[in-house]
Amino acid sequence: KGITVKVDAGAAGRASATAKRKRSTGARARKLGSGAAKVGTSGKTKVRIRFTRKAARSLRKRRSVRLTVAVGFKPAAGGAAVKRSASLTLKR
């Protein structure tokens, strides 16, 4: 169905996340899914990344897959957007 990412932004705004899978050397990373959520005044939220149908089908056949998750945050009060990314491995 997807994966959930915890976001601690420290302020209100909007958080978005994208999961990509790196392919063979030189090939572009394939987007597996994305999601977004509002961040309240506490500055904490969870963003659920929903996989596309095509990605879910290809992931079903694999035992494990290495992903890069990129999270962006745009403050409600204005200011510069912040982006961070991390690599992880999904296992059955």
C-alpha atoms as a PDB file:
ATOM      1  CA  LYS A   1       0.000   0.000   0.000  1.00  0.00           C
ATOM      2  CA  GLY A   2       2.794   2.433   0.865  1.00  0.00           C
ATOM      3  CA  ILE A   3       5.154   3.637   3.572  1.00  0.00           C
ATOM      4  CA  THR A   4       4.805   6.259   6.296  1.00  0.00           C
ATOM      5  CA  VAL A   5       7.441   8.895   7.003  1.00  0.00           C
ATOM      6  CA  LYS A   6       7.529  10.906  10.237  1.00  0.00           C
ATOM      7  CA  VAL A   7       8.281  14.599   9.758  1.00  0.00           C
ATOM      8  CA  ASP A   8       9.357  16.957  12.548  1.00  0.00           C
ATOM      9  CA  ALA A   9       9.466  20.387  10.921  1.00  0.00           C
ATOM     10  CA  GLY A  10       9.239  22.571  14.026  1.00  0.00           C
ATOM     11  CA  ALA A  11       6.633  24.887  12.478  1.00  0.00           C
ATOM     12  CA  ALA A  12       3.303  24.830  10.648  1.00  0.00           C
ATOM     13  CA  GLY A  13       3.252  24.346   6.883  1.00  0.00           C
ATOM     14  CA  ARG A  14       3.030  21.604   4.279  1.00  0.00           C
ATOM     15  CA  ALA A  15       5.219  18.523   3.955  1.00  0.00           C
ATOM     16  CA  SER A  16       5.571  16.354   0.866  1.00  0.00           C
ATOM     17  CA  ALA A  17       7.515  13.158   0.271  1.00  0.00           C
ATOM     18  CA  THR A  18       8.577  11.177  -2.784  1.00  0.00           C
ATOM     19  CA  ALA A  19      10.030   7.660  -3.011  1.00  0.00           C
ATOM     20  CA  LYS A  20      12.340   6.797  -5.887  1.00  0.00           C
ATOM     21  CA  ARG A  21      14.236   3.657  -6.822  1.00  0.00           C
ATOM     22  CA  LYS A  22      17.649   3.989  -8.372  1.00  0.00           C
ATOM     23  CA  ARG A  23      18.067   1.897 -11.479  1.00  0.00           C
ATOM     24  CA  SER A  24      21.158   0.668 -13.272  1.00  0.00           C
ATOM     25  CA  THR A  25      24.166   2.950 -13.638  1.00  0.00           C
ATOM     26  CA  GLY A  26      23.384   6.009 -15.727  1.00  0.00           C
ATOM     27  CA  ALA A  27      19.621   5.446 -15.775  1.00  0.00           C
ATOM     28  CA  ARG A  28      17.209   7.907 -14.198  1.00  0.00           C
ATOM     29  CA  ALA A  29      15.644   7.034 -10.843  1.00  0.00           C
ATOM     30  CA  ARG A  30      12.094   5.738 -11.158  1.00  0.00           C
ATOM     31  CA  LYS A  31       9.396   7.413  -9.069  1.00  0.00           C
ATOM     32  CA  LEU A  32       7.538   4.818  -7.012  1.00  0.00           C
ATOM     33  CA  GLY A  33       5.077   7.057  -5.196  1.00  0.00           C
ATOM     34  CA  SER A  34       4.453  10.296  -3.361  1.00  0.00           C
ATOM     35  CA  GLY A  35       2.338  11.878  -0.661  1.00  0.00           C
ATOM     36  CA  ALA A  36       1.721  15.126   1.183  1.00  0.00           C
ATOM     37  CA  ALA A  37       0.296  16.284   4.497  1.00  0.00           C
ATOM     38  CA  LYS A  38      -0.425  19.478   6.395  1.00  0.00           C
ATOM     39  CA  VAL A  39       1.831  20.214   9.352  1.00  0.00           C
ATOM     40  CA  GLY A  40       0.067  21.722  12.374  1.00  0.00           C
ATOM     41  CA  THR A  41       1.426  24.172  14.934  1.00  0.00           C
ATOM     42  CA  SER A  42       3.231  21.349  16.770  1.00  0.00           C
ATOM     43  CA  GLY A  43       5.427  20.956  13.697  1.00  0.00           C
ATOM     44  CA  LYS A  44       5.026  17.170  13.611  1.00  0.00           C
ATOM     45  CA  THR A  45       3.148  14.983  11.168  1.00  0.00           C
ATOM     46  CA  LYS A  46       3.245  11.710   9.257  1.00  0.00           C
ATOM     47  CA  VAL A  47       3.328  11.636   5.473  1.00  0.00           C
ATOM     48  CA  ARG A  48       2.033   8.503   3.815  1.00  0.00           C
ATOM     49  CA  ILE A  49       3.739   7.704   0.537  1.00  0.00           C
ATOM     50  CA  ARG A  50       1.329   5.724  -1.621  1.00  0.00           C
ATOM     51  CA  PHE A  51       2.889   3.571  -4.303  1.00  0.00           C
ATOM     52  CA  THR A  52       1.615   3.824  -7.859  1.00  0.00           C
ATOM     53  CA  ARG A  53      -0.100   0.713  -9.242  1.00  0.00           C
ATOM     54  CA  LYS A  54       2.797   0.003 -11.553  1.00  0.00           C
ATOM     55  CA  ALA A  55       5.331   0.367  -8.722  1.00  0.00           C
ATOM     56  CA  ALA A  56       3.306  -1.841  -6.362  1.00  0.00           C
ATOM     57  CA  ARG A  57       3.175  -4.544  -9.014  1.00  0.00           C
ATOM     58  CA  SER A  58       6.947  -4.481  -9.543  1.00  0.00           C
ATOM     59  CA  LEU A  59       7.680  -4.355  -5.785  1.00  0.00           C
ATOM     60  CA  ARG A  60       5.509  -7.438  -5.175  1.00  0.00           C
ATOM     61  CA  LYS A  61       7.994  -9.571  -7.081  1.00  0.00           C
ATOM     62  CA  ARG A  62      11.017  -8.407  -5.079  1.00  0.00           C
ATOM     63  CA  ARG A  63      12.334  -9.623  -1.745  1.00  0.00           C
ATOM     64  CA  SER A  64      13.951  -6.283  -0.921  1.00  0.00           C
ATOM     65  CA  VAL A  65      14.336  -2.947  -2.654  1.00  0.00           C
ATOM     66  CA  ARG A  66      16.568   0.064  -1.998  1.00  0.00           C
ATOM     67  CA  LEU A  67      14.750   3.405  -2.065  1.00  0.00           C
ATOM     68  CA  THR A  68      15.561   7.067  -1.700  1.00  0.00           C
ATOM     69  CA  VAL A  69      12.912   9.068   0.134  1.00  0.00           C
ATOM     70  CA  ALA A  70      12.971  12.838  -0.377  1.00  0.00           C
ATOM     71  CA  VAL A  71      10.973  15.031   2.016  1.00  0.00           C
ATOM     72  CA  GLY A  72      10.210  18.698   1.394  1.00  0.00           C
ATOM     73  CA  PHE A  73       8.730  21.237   3.803  1.00  0.00           C
ATOM     74  CA  LYS A  74       7.211  24.605   2.963  1.00  0.00           C
ATOM     75  CA  PRO A  75       6.540  26.852   6.000  1.00  0.00           C
ATOM     76  CA  ALA A  76       3.091  28.445   6.277  1.00  0.00           C
ATOM     77  CA  ALA A  77       4.640  31.698   7.511  1.00  0.00           C
ATOM     78  CA  GLY A  78       6.660  32.026   4.314  1.00  0.00           C
ATOM     79  CA  GLY A  79      10.382  31.568   4.026  1.00  0.00           C
ATOM     80  CA  ALA A  80      12.590  29.149   2.202  1.00  0.00           C
ATOM     81  CA  ALA A  81      11.499  25.577   1.540  1.00  0.00           C
ATOM     82  CA  VAL A  82      13.617  22.813   3.082  1.00  0.00           C
ATOM     83  CA  LYS A  83      14.445  19.497   1.404  1.00  0.00           C
ATOM     84  CA  ARG A  84      16.053  16.408   2.905  1.00  0.00           C
ATOM     85  CA  SER A  85      16.530  12.888   1.608  1.00  0.00           C
ATOM     86  CA  ALA A  86      17.523   9.500   2.994  1.00  0.00           C
ATOM     87  CA  SER A  87      18.128   6.033   1.587  1.00  0.00           C
ATOM     88  CA  LEU A  88      16.484   2.947   3.027  1.00  0.00           C
ATOM     89  CA  THR A  89      15.862  -0.684   2.207  1.00  0.00           C
ATOM     90  CA  LEU A  90      12.387  -2.195   2.244  1.00  0.00           C
ATOM     91  CA  LYS A  91      12.361  -5.888   3.142  1.00  0.00           C
ATOM     92  CA  ARG A  92       9.586  -8.447   3.323  1.00  0.00           C
END
